[in-house]
Amino acid sequence: MSLNPLKTLKDVNCPPNIIEHSRAVSRKALNIASNFSDKKGSYVDLEQVETGAMLHDIGRSRTHTIKHAVVGAEILKNLNFPREIVKITLKHIGAGITPSEAEILGLPPRDYMPITLEEKIVAHADNLVNGTKEVDLNFVIMKWEKIFGKDHPAINRLKKLDQEVSG
């Protein structure tokens, strides 16, 4: 198998709508990453962002549950993708998931919080793309409030992540 993201998605039989979503997330992620090109000391690996965004939902070739992040990371690990791309896929869900939340969601117990700038950019770009359409932060907040409730800590994490990467 190739380390080419688009070919890889097709090779694992990723559904066409997921591939199109991934393309949209990749465009959004590169747009967000461009915010950092003029800031001193903020280096963003654009290739890592683009590849990570294209492959973030590869696990949806096998499951459409929250576990798609874990499944996707395992697929990429088995295909010998770089560790950084595997971690982007593992940590792209929501605005990050704490170990205690992971346990509640039935995920393997670990920290799924994006740490690197590249992980944060891809996670947030995914939040700001609904299907193939870009949405704004308020759309995502209202969606999450309906799902989780207004006081869920994920909403504050989303706002903080937006501040960190969108400024």
N, C-alpha and C. Protein backbone atom coordinates (compact mmCIF):
# COMPACT_ATOMS: atom_id res chain seq x y z
N MET A 1 0.82 -1.20 0.00
CA MET A 1 0.00 0.00 0.00
C MET A 1 0.86 1.25 0.00
N SER A 2 0.35 2.27 -0.62
CA SER A 2 1.07 3.53 -0.77
C SER A 2 0.91 4.41 0.46
N LEU A 3 1.86 5.33 0.65
CA LEU A 3 1.72 6.33 1.70
C LEU A 3 1.02 7.57 1.16
N ASN A 4 0.46 7.47 -0.03
CA ASN A 4 -0.34 8.54 -0.62
C ASN A 4 -1.71 8.53 0.06
N PRO A 5 -2.12 9.64 0.69
CA PRO A 5 -3.37 9.64 1.46
C PRO A 5 -4.62 9.28 0.65
N LEU A 6 -4.79 9.87 -0.51
CA LEU A 6 -5.99 9.58 -1.30
C LEU A 6 -6.02 8.13 -1.75
N LYS A 7 -4.89 7.63 -2.23
CA LYS A 7 -4.81 6.23 -2.64
C LYS A 7 -5.07 5.31 -1.45
N THR A 8 -4.53 5.68 -0.29
CA THR A 8 -4.73 4.87 0.91
C THR A 8 -6.21 4.80 1.28
N LEU A 9 -6.90 5.93 1.24
CA LEU A 9 -8.34 5.94 1.55
C LEU A 9 -9.11 5.02 0.60
N LYS A 10 -8.75 5.08 -0.67
CA LYS A 10 -9.41 4.22 -1.65
C LYS A 10 -9.05 2.75 -1.45
N ASP A 11 -7.78 2.49 -1.12
CA ASP A 11 -7.32 1.11 -0.92
C ASP A 11 -8.02 0.42 0.25
N VAL A 12 -8.41 1.18 1.27
CA VAL A 12 -9.10 0.58 2.42
C VAL A 12 -10.62 0.66 2.28
N ASN A 13 -11.07 1.04 1.09
CA ASN A 13 -12.50 1.12 0.78
C ASN A 13 -13.25 2.14 1.63
N CYS A 14 -12.64 3.28 1.81
CA CYS A 14 -13.31 4.37 2.52
C CYS A 14 -14.47 4.85 1.64
N PRO A 15 -15.65 5.07 2.22
CA PRO A 15 -16.79 5.53 1.42
C PRO A 15 -16.51 6.87 0.74
N PRO A 16 -17.04 7.08 -0.46
CA PRO A 16 -16.80 8.33 -1.19
C PRO A 16 -17.16 9.59 -0.40
N ASN A 17 -18.24 9.54 0.39
CA ASN A 17 -18.61 10.74 1.15
C ASN A 17 -17.57 11.06 2.23
N ILE A 18 -16.92 10.05 2.76
CA ILE A 18 -15.87 10.27 3.76
C ILE A 18 -14.63 10.86 3.08
N ILE A 19 -14.33 10.38 1.88
CA ILE A 19 -13.21 10.94 1.14
C ILE A 19 -13.46 12.41 0.82
N GLU A 20 -14.67 12.74 0.40
CA GLU A 20 -14.98 14.15 0.11
C GLU A 20 -14.94 15.00 1.38
N HIS A 21 -15.44 14.46 2.47
CA HIS A 21 -15.35 15.17 3.76
C HIS A 21 -13.88 15.40 4.12
N SER A 22 -13.06 14.40 3.94
CA SER A 22 -11.64 14.52 4.26
C SER A 22 -10.95 15.56 3.40
N ARG A 23 -11.33 15.65 2.15
CA ARG A 23 -10.77 16.69 1.28
C ARG A 23 -11.16 18.08 1.81
N ALA A 24 -12.42 18.23 2.22
CA ALA A 24 -12.88 19.52 2.75
C ALA A 24 -12.16 19.86 4.05
N VAL A 25 -11.96 18.87 4.91
CA VAL A 25 -11.24 19.09 6.17
C VAL A 25 -9.80 19.47 5.87
N SER A 26 -9.20 18.83 4.89
CA SER A 26 -7.82 19.15 4.51
C SER A 26 -7.70 20.60 4.05
N ARG A 27 -8.64 21.03 3.22
CA ARG A 27 -8.63 22.44 2.76
C ARG A 27 -8.77 23.39 3.94
N LYS A 28 -9.70 23.08 4.84
CA LYS A 28 -9.92 23.94 6.01
C LYS A 28 -8.69 23.94 6.91
N ALA A 29 -8.09 22.78 7.11
CA ALA A 29 -6.90 22.68 7.97
C ALA A 29 -5.75 23.50 7.41
N LEU A 30 -5.54 23.43 6.10
CA LEU A 30 -4.47 24.21 5.48
C LEU A 30 -4.76 25.70 5.60
N ASN A 31 -6.03 26.07 5.51
CA ASN A 31 -6.41 27.47 5.69
C ASN A 31 -6.11 27.94 7.12
N ILE A 32 -6.45 27.12 8.10
CA ILE A 32 -6.15 27.45 9.50
C ILE A 32 -4.65 27.53 9.70
N ALA A 33 -3.91 26.58 9.13
CA ALA A 33 -2.46 26.56 9.29
C ALA A 33 -1.81 27.82 8.73
N SER A 34 -2.44 28.41 7.72
CA SER A 34 -1.88 29.64 7.13
C SER A 34 -1.88 30.79 8.12
N ASN A 35 -2.71 30.71 9.17
CA ASN A 35 -2.73 31.74 10.22
C ASN A 35 -1.40 31.82 10.96
N PHE A 36 -0.62 30.74 10.90
CA PHE A 36 0.61 30.66 11.68
C PHE A 36 1.86 31.00 10.87
N SER A 37 1.70 31.25 9.58
CA SER A 37 2.88 31.47 8.75
C SER A 37 3.59 32.79 9.08
N ASP A 38 2.88 33.76 9.62
CA ASP A 38 3.49 35.05 9.92
C ASP A 38 3.89 35.21 11.38
N LYS A 39 3.58 34.24 12.21
CA LYS A 39 3.86 34.35 13.64
C LYS A 39 5.24 33.79 13.95
N LYS A 40 6.05 34.57 14.59
CA LYS A 40 7.39 34.11 14.95
C LYS A 40 7.30 32.95 15.94
N GLY A 41 8.11 31.95 15.70
CA GLY A 41 8.18 30.82 16.62
C GLY A 41 7.06 29.81 16.44
N SER A 42 6.14 30.03 15.52
CA SER A 42 5.04 29.10 15.29
C SER A 42 5.26 28.39 13.97
N TYR A 43 5.90 27.25 14.02
CA TYR A 43 6.12 26.48 12.81
C TYR A 43 5.07 25.39 12.71
N VAL A 44 4.40 25.34 11.58
CA VAL A 44 3.41 24.30 11.33
C VAL A 44 3.90 23.47 10.15
N ASP A 45 3.92 22.17 10.33
CA ASP A 45 4.29 21.25 9.26
C ASP A 45 3.07 21.08 8.35
N LEU A 46 3.06 21.80 7.23
CA LEU A 46 1.90 21.80 6.34
C LEU A 46 1.65 20.43 5.72
N GLU A 47 2.69 19.69 5.42
CA GLU A 47 2.52 18.35 4.86
C GLU A 47 1.85 17.43 5.89
N GLN A 48 2.28 17.56 7.14
CA GLN A 48 1.67 16.76 8.21
C GLN A 48 0.20 17.13 8.39
N VAL A 49 -0.11 18.42 8.34
CA VAL A 49 -1.50 18.88 8.46
C VAL A 49 -2.34 18.34 7.31
N GLU A 50 -1.83 18.48 6.09
CA GLU A 50 -2.59 18.03 4.92
C GLU A 50 -2.81 16.51 4.94
N THR A 51 -1.76 15.76 5.21
CA THR A 51 -1.87 14.29 5.25
C THR A 51 -2.75 13.85 6.40
N GLY A 52 -2.53 14.43 7.58
CA GLY A 52 -3.34 14.08 8.74
C GLY A 52 -4.82 14.38 8.53
N ALA A 53 -5.11 15.51 7.90
CA ALA A 53 -6.50 15.87 7.64
C ALA A 53 -7.14 14.91 6.63
N MET A 54 -6.37 14.54 5.61
CA MET A 54 -6.91 13.60 4.61
C MET A 54 -7.20 12.23 5.23
N LEU A 55 -6.40 11.83 6.22
CA LEU A 55 -6.53 10.48 6.78
C LEU A 55 -7.26 10.41 8.12
N HIS A 56 -7.70 11.56 8.65
CA HIS A 56 -8.27 11.57 10.00
C HIS A 56 -9.45 10.62 10.17
N ASP A 57 -10.24 10.41 9.14
CA ASP A 57 -11.43 9.55 9.24
C ASP A 57 -11.27 8.20 8.55
N ILE A 58 -10.04 7.75 8.34
CA ILE A 58 -9.82 6.46 7.66
C ILE A 58 -10.49 5.31 8.41
N GLY A 59 -10.63 5.44 9.72
CA GLY A 59 -11.29 4.41 10.51
C GLY A 59 -12.75 4.24 10.17
N ARG A 60 -13.34 5.24 9.51
CA ARG A 60 -14.74 5.14 9.08
C ARG A 60 -14.90 4.15 7.93
N SER A 61 -13.78 3.62 7.45
CA SER A 61 -13.86 2.53 6.46
C SER A 61 -14.32 1.24 7.15
N ARG A 62 -14.25 1.22 8.49
CA ARG A 62 -14.63 0.03 9.26
C ARG A 62 -15.74 0.27 10.27
N THR A 63 -15.84 1.50 10.80
CA THR A 63 -16.87 1.81 11.80
C THR A 63 -17.22 3.29 11.75
N HIS A 64 -18.46 3.60 12.06
CA HIS A 64 -18.89 5.00 12.12
C HIS A 64 -19.16 5.43 13.55
N THR A 65 -18.63 4.68 14.50
CA THR A 65 -18.77 5.05 15.91
C THR A 65 -17.59 5.94 16.31
N ILE A 66 -17.60 6.40 17.53
CA ILE A 66 -16.50 7.21 18.07
C ILE A 66 -15.18 6.44 17.99
N LYS A 67 -15.28 5.11 17.97
CA LYS A 67 -14.08 4.28 17.91
C LYS A 67 -13.35 4.37 16.57
N HIS A 68 -13.92 5.10 15.60
CA HIS A 68 -13.26 5.22 14.30
C HIS A 68 -11.87 5.83 14.43
N ALA A 69 -11.66 6.65 15.46
CA ALA A 69 -10.34 7.26 15.66
C ALA A 69 -9.31 6.21 16.05
N VAL A 70 -9.68 5.32 16.94
CA VAL A 70 -8.78 4.24 17.38
C VAL A 70 -8.54 3.26 16.23
N VAL A 71 -9.61 2.90 15.54
CA VAL A 71 -9.49 1.97 14.41
C VAL A 71 -8.62 2.59 13.32
N GLY A 72 -8.85 3.87 13.03
CA GLY A 72 -8.06 4.56 12.01
C GLY A 72 -6.59 4.63 12.37
N ALA A 73 -6.31 4.92 13.63
CA ALA A 73 -4.90 4.98 14.07
C ALA A 73 -4.24 3.62 13.90
N GLU A 74 -4.96 2.56 14.19
CA GLU A 74 -4.42 1.21 14.04
C GLU A 74 -4.17 0.88 12.57
N ILE A 75 -5.10 1.26 11.70
CA ILE A 75 -4.91 1.05 10.26
C ILE A 75 -3.63 1.74 9.79
N LEU A 76 -3.47 3.00 10.17
CA LEU A 76 -2.31 3.77 9.73
C LEU A 76 -1.00 3.23 10.31
N LYS A 77 -1.08 2.79 11.55
CA LYS A 77 0.11 2.18 12.18
C LYS A 77 0.52 0.93 11.40
N ASN A 78 -0.46 0.10 11.06
CA ASN A 78 -0.18 -1.12 10.32
C ASN A 78 0.33 -0.85 8.90
N LEU A 79 0.00 0.32 8.36
CA LEU A 79 0.47 0.71 7.02
C LEU A 79 1.78 1.48 7.08
N ASN A 80 2.34 1.57 8.28
CA ASN A 80 3.63 2.23 8.48
C ASN A 80 3.63 3.73 8.20
N PHE A 81 2.49 4.38 8.48
CA PHE A 81 2.46 5.84 8.39
C PHE A 81 3.24 6.41 9.58
N PRO A 82 3.79 7.60 9.42
CA PRO A 82 4.54 8.21 10.52
C PRO A 82 3.69 8.35 11.79
N ARG A 83 4.37 8.25 12.90
CA ARG A 83 3.73 8.33 14.22
C ARG A 83 2.88 9.60 14.37
N GLU A 84 3.36 10.71 13.80
CA GLU A 84 2.63 11.98 13.91
C GLU A 84 1.27 11.91 13.22
N ILE A 85 1.19 11.20 12.10
CA ILE A 85 -0.07 11.06 11.37
C ILE A 85 -1.01 10.13 12.14
N VAL A 86 -0.46 9.08 12.71
CA VAL A 86 -1.25 8.15 13.53
C VAL A 86 -1.86 8.92 14.71
N LYS A 87 -1.06 9.77 15.36
CA LYS A 87 -1.55 10.52 16.52
C LYS A 87 -2.60 11.55 16.13
N ILE A 88 -2.46 12.19 14.97
CA ILE A 88 -3.49 13.12 14.50
C ILE A 88 -4.82 12.38 14.38
N THR A 89 -4.79 11.21 13.78
CA THR A 89 -6.00 10.41 13.60
C THR A 89 -6.59 10.00 14.94
N LEU A 90 -5.75 9.59 15.86
CA LEU A 90 -6.21 9.15 17.17
C LEU A 90 -6.83 10.29 17.98
N LYS A 91 -6.31 11.50 17.82
CA LYS A 91 -6.72 12.61 18.69
C LYS A 91 -7.62 13.64 18.01
N HIS A 92 -8.17 13.32 16.85
CA HIS A 92 -8.97 14.32 16.13
C HIS A 92 -10.41 14.42 16.62
N ILE A 93 -10.84 13.54 17.48
CA ILE A 93 -12.25 13.47 17.85
C ILE A 93 -12.65 14.61 18.79
N GLY A 94 -13.63 15.37 18.34
CA GLY A 94 -14.11 16.51 19.12
C GLY A 94 -13.03 17.55 19.28
N ALA A 95 -12.93 18.06 20.47
CA ALA A 95 -11.86 19.00 20.81
C ALA A 95 -10.91 18.30 21.77
N GLY A 96 -10.89 16.98 21.67
CA GLY A 96 -10.11 16.14 22.57
C GLY A 96 -11.02 15.44 23.56
N ILE A 97 -10.58 14.31 24.02
CA ILE A 97 -11.35 13.52 24.99
C ILE A 97 -10.41 13.12 26.12
N THR A 98 -10.85 13.37 27.35
CA THR A 98 -10.04 13.02 28.52
C THR A 98 -10.13 11.51 28.77
N PRO A 99 -9.20 10.97 29.57
CA PRO A 99 -9.26 9.53 29.88
C PRO A 99 -10.59 9.12 30.53
N SER A 100 -11.12 9.94 31.42
CA SER A 100 -12.39 9.57 32.07
C SER A 100 -13.55 9.60 31.08
N GLU A 101 -13.55 10.57 30.17
CA GLU A 101 -14.59 10.60 29.13
C GLU A 101 -14.43 9.42 28.18
N ALA A 102 -13.18 9.05 27.88
CA ALA A 102 -12.93 7.91 27.00
C ALA A 102 -13.54 6.65 27.59
N GLU A 103 -13.37 6.47 28.88
CA GLU A 103 -13.93 5.29 29.55
C GLU A 103 -15.45 5.26 29.41
N ILE A 104 -16.09 6.39 29.62
CA ILE A 104 -17.55 6.49 29.50
C ILE A 104 -18.00 6.17 28.08
N LEU A 105 -17.20 6.60 27.09
CA LEU A 105 -17.54 6.39 25.68
C LEU A 105 -17.18 5.00 25.16
N GLY A 106 -16.54 4.19 26.00
CA GLY A 106 -16.16 2.84 25.59
C GLY A 106 -14.88 2.79 24.77
N LEU A 107 -14.08 3.86 24.83
CA LEU A 107 -12.79 3.89 24.15
C LEU A 107 -11.73 3.28 25.05
N PRO A 108 -10.65 2.78 24.48
CA PRO A 108 -9.54 2.33 25.33
C PRO A 108 -9.10 3.48 26.24
N PRO A 109 -8.82 3.19 27.51
CA PRO A 109 -8.49 4.26 28.45
C PRO A 109 -7.16 4.93 28.10
N ARG A 110 -7.23 6.20 27.71
CA ARG A 110 -6.06 7.01 27.39
C ARG A 110 -6.50 8.44 27.20
N ASP A 111 -5.54 9.31 27.03
CA ASP A 111 -5.80 10.71 26.79
C ASP A 111 -5.86 10.94 25.28
N TYR A 112 -6.96 11.45 24.79
CA TYR A 112 -7.16 11.72 23.37
C TYR A 112 -7.12 13.22 23.09
N MET A 113 -6.42 13.96 23.93
CA MET A 113 -6.35 15.42 23.77
C MET A 113 -5.28 15.76 22.73
N PRO A 114 -5.63 16.60 21.74
CA PRO A 114 -4.60 17.02 20.78
C PRO A 114 -3.57 17.90 21.49
N ILE A 115 -2.30 17.64 21.23
CA ILE A 115 -1.22 18.35 21.91
C ILE A 115 -0.46 19.24 20.93
N THR A 116 -0.02 18.67 19.81
CA THR A 116 0.78 19.46 18.87
C THR A 116 -0.13 20.41 18.10
N LEU A 117 0.47 21.43 17.55
CA LEU A 117 -0.28 22.39 16.75
C LEU A 117 -0.96 21.69 15.57
N GLU A 118 -0.26 20.76 14.95
CA GLU A 118 -0.83 20.02 13.82
C GLU A 118 -2.05 19.20 14.26
N GLU A 119 -1.97 18.54 15.41
CA GLU A 119 -3.12 17.78 15.94
C GLU A 119 -4.30 18.70 16.21
N LYS A 120 -4.02 19.85 16.80
CA LYS A 120 -5.08 20.80 17.12
C LYS A 120 -5.74 21.37 15.87
N ILE A 121 -4.93 21.68 14.87
CA ILE A 121 -5.47 22.24 13.63
C ILE A 121 -6.39 21.24 12.94
N VAL A 122 -5.97 19.99 12.83
CA VAL A 122 -6.81 18.99 12.16
C VAL A 122 -8.08 18.73 12.95
N ALA A 123 -7.97 18.60 14.26
CA ALA A 123 -9.16 18.37 15.09
C ALA A 123 -10.16 19.51 14.89
N HIS A 124 -9.67 20.74 14.92
CA HIS A 124 -10.59 21.86 14.81
C HIS A 124 -11.13 22.02 13.39
N ALA A 125 -10.31 21.76 12.39
CA ALA A 125 -10.81 21.81 11.02
C ALA A 125 -11.95 20.81 10.85
N ASP A 126 -11.80 19.63 11.44
CA ASP A 126 -12.87 18.62 11.38
C ASP A 126 -14.13 19.13 12.06
N ASN A 127 -13.98 19.85 13.16
CA ASN A 127 -15.15 20.42 13.84
C ASN A 127 -15.86 21.43 12.96
N LEU A 128 -15.10 22.15 12.15
CA LEU A 128 -15.66 23.25 11.36
C LEU A 128 -16.08 22.83 9.94
N VAL A 129 -16.13 21.53 9.71
CA VAL A 129 -16.63 21.02 8.44
C VAL A 129 -17.74 20.02 8.75
N ASN A 130 -18.93 20.32 8.26
CA ASN A 130 -20.10 19.46 8.44
C ASN A 130 -20.39 18.82 7.08
N GLY A 131 -20.06 17.54 6.95
CA GLY A 131 -20.13 16.91 5.63
C GLY A 131 -19.00 17.46 4.79
N THR A 132 -19.36 18.24 3.78
CA THR A 132 -18.34 18.92 2.97
C THR A 132 -18.45 20.44 3.06
N LYS A 133 -19.34 20.91 3.91
CA LYS A 133 -19.59 22.35 4.05
C LYS A 133 -18.90 22.91 5.28
N GLU A 134 -18.24 24.07 5.09
CA GLU A 134 -17.66 24.76 6.24
C GLU A 134 -18.78 25.37 7.07
N VAL A 135 -18.62 25.29 8.39
CA VAL A 135 -19.57 25.89 9.32
C VAL A 135 -18.78 26.77 10.29
N ASP A 136 -19.49 27.63 11.00
CA ASP A 136 -18.79 28.49 11.96
C ASP A 136 -18.86 27.89 13.36
N LEU A 137 -18.13 28.51 14.25
CA LEU A 137 -18.04 28.01 15.63
C LEU A 137 -19.40 27.95 16.30
N ASN A 138 -20.24 28.95 16.07
CA ASN A 138 -21.57 28.97 16.70
C ASN A 138 -22.41 27.77 16.28
N PHE A 139 -22.31 27.37 15.02
CA PHE A 139 -23.01 26.18 14.53
C PHE A 139 -22.59 24.96 15.34
N VAL A 140 -21.27 24.82 15.53
CA VAL A 140 -20.74 23.65 16.25
C VAL A 140 -21.16 23.70 17.72
N ILE A 141 -21.08 24.86 18.34
CA ILE A 141 -21.48 25.00 19.74
C ILE A 141 -22.94 24.60 19.91
N MET A 142 -23.82 25.12 19.05
CA MET A 142 -25.25 24.78 19.17
C MET A 142 -25.48 23.28 18.96
N LYS A 143 -24.77 22.69 18.01
CA LYS A 143 -24.88 21.25 17.75
C LYS A 143 -24.45 20.46 18.99
N TRP A 144 -23.30 20.82 19.56
CA TRP A 144 -22.78 20.10 20.71
C TRP A 144 -23.66 20.31 21.94
N GLU A 145 -24.21 21.50 22.11
CA GLU A 145 -25.10 21.75 23.26
C GLU A 145 -26.33 20.85 23.19
N LYS A 146 -26.83 20.61 21.97
CA LYS A 146 -27.98 19.71 21.81
C LYS A 146 -27.60 18.27 22.16
N ILE A 147 -26.38 17.88 21.81
CA ILE A 147 -25.92 16.50 22.04
C ILE A 147 -25.50 16.29 23.50
N PHE A 148 -24.65 17.21 24.02
CA PHE A 148 -24.02 17.01 25.32
C PHE A 148 -24.66 17.79 26.46
N GLY A 149 -25.40 18.85 26.14
CA GLY A 149 -25.90 19.75 27.17
C GLY A 149 -24.99 20.98 27.24
N LYS A 150 -25.56 22.08 27.70
CA LYS A 150 -24.85 23.37 27.69
C LYS A 150 -23.62 23.40 28.59
N ASP A 151 -23.58 22.58 29.62
CA ASP A 151 -22.48 22.66 30.59
C ASP A 151 -21.40 21.61 30.39
N HIS A 152 -21.45 20.86 29.31
CA HIS A 152 -20.45 19.81 29.11
C HIS A 152 -19.07 20.43 28.89
N PRO A 153 -18.03 19.86 29.52
CA PRO A 153 -16.68 20.42 29.38
C PRO A 153 -16.16 20.44 27.94
N ALA A 154 -16.70 19.60 27.07
CA ALA A 154 -16.25 19.58 25.67
C ALA A 154 -16.52 20.93 24.99
N ILE A 155 -17.55 21.62 25.41
CA ILE A 155 -17.89 22.90 24.78
C ILE A 155 -16.84 23.96 25.12
N ASN A 156 -16.40 23.99 26.37
CA ASN A 156 -15.32 24.92 26.73
C ASN A 156 -14.02 24.54 26.04
N ARG A 157 -13.75 23.25 25.89
CA ARG A 157 -12.54 22.82 25.17
C ARG A 157 -12.61 23.26 23.71
N LEU A 158 -13.80 23.16 23.11
CA LEU A 158 -13.99 23.59 21.73
C LEU A 158 -13.68 25.09 21.59
N LYS A 159 -14.21 25.88 22.50
CA LYS A 159 -13.96 27.33 22.46
C LYS A 159 -12.48 27.64 22.65
N LYS A 160 -11.83 26.94 23.56
CA LYS A 160 -10.41 27.15 23.80
C LYS A 160 -9.59 26.74 22.57
N LEU A 161 -9.94 25.61 21.97
CA LEU A 161 -9.24 25.15 20.78
C LEU A 161 -9.41 26.17 19.64
N ASP A 162 -10.60 26.72 19.50
CA ASP A 162 -10.84 27.73 18.48
C ASP A 162 -9.93 28.94 18.71
N GLN A 163 -9.82 29.38 19.95
CA GLN A 163 -8.94 30.52 20.27
C GLN A 163 -7.48 30.21 19.95
N GLU A 164 -7.06 28.99 20.25
CA GLU A 164 -5.66 28.60 20.01
C GLU A 164 -5.30 28.56 18.54
N VAL A 165 -6.20 28.05 17.71
CA VAL A 165 -5.83 27.85 16.31
C VAL A 165 -6.43 28.87 15.35
N SER A 166 -7.51 29.50 15.74
CA SER A 166 -8.15 30.47 14.84
C SER A 166 -7.88 31.91 15.28
N GLY A 167 -7.54 32.06 16.56
CA GLY A 167 -7.19 33.38 17.08
C GLY A 167 -8.34 34.30 17.08
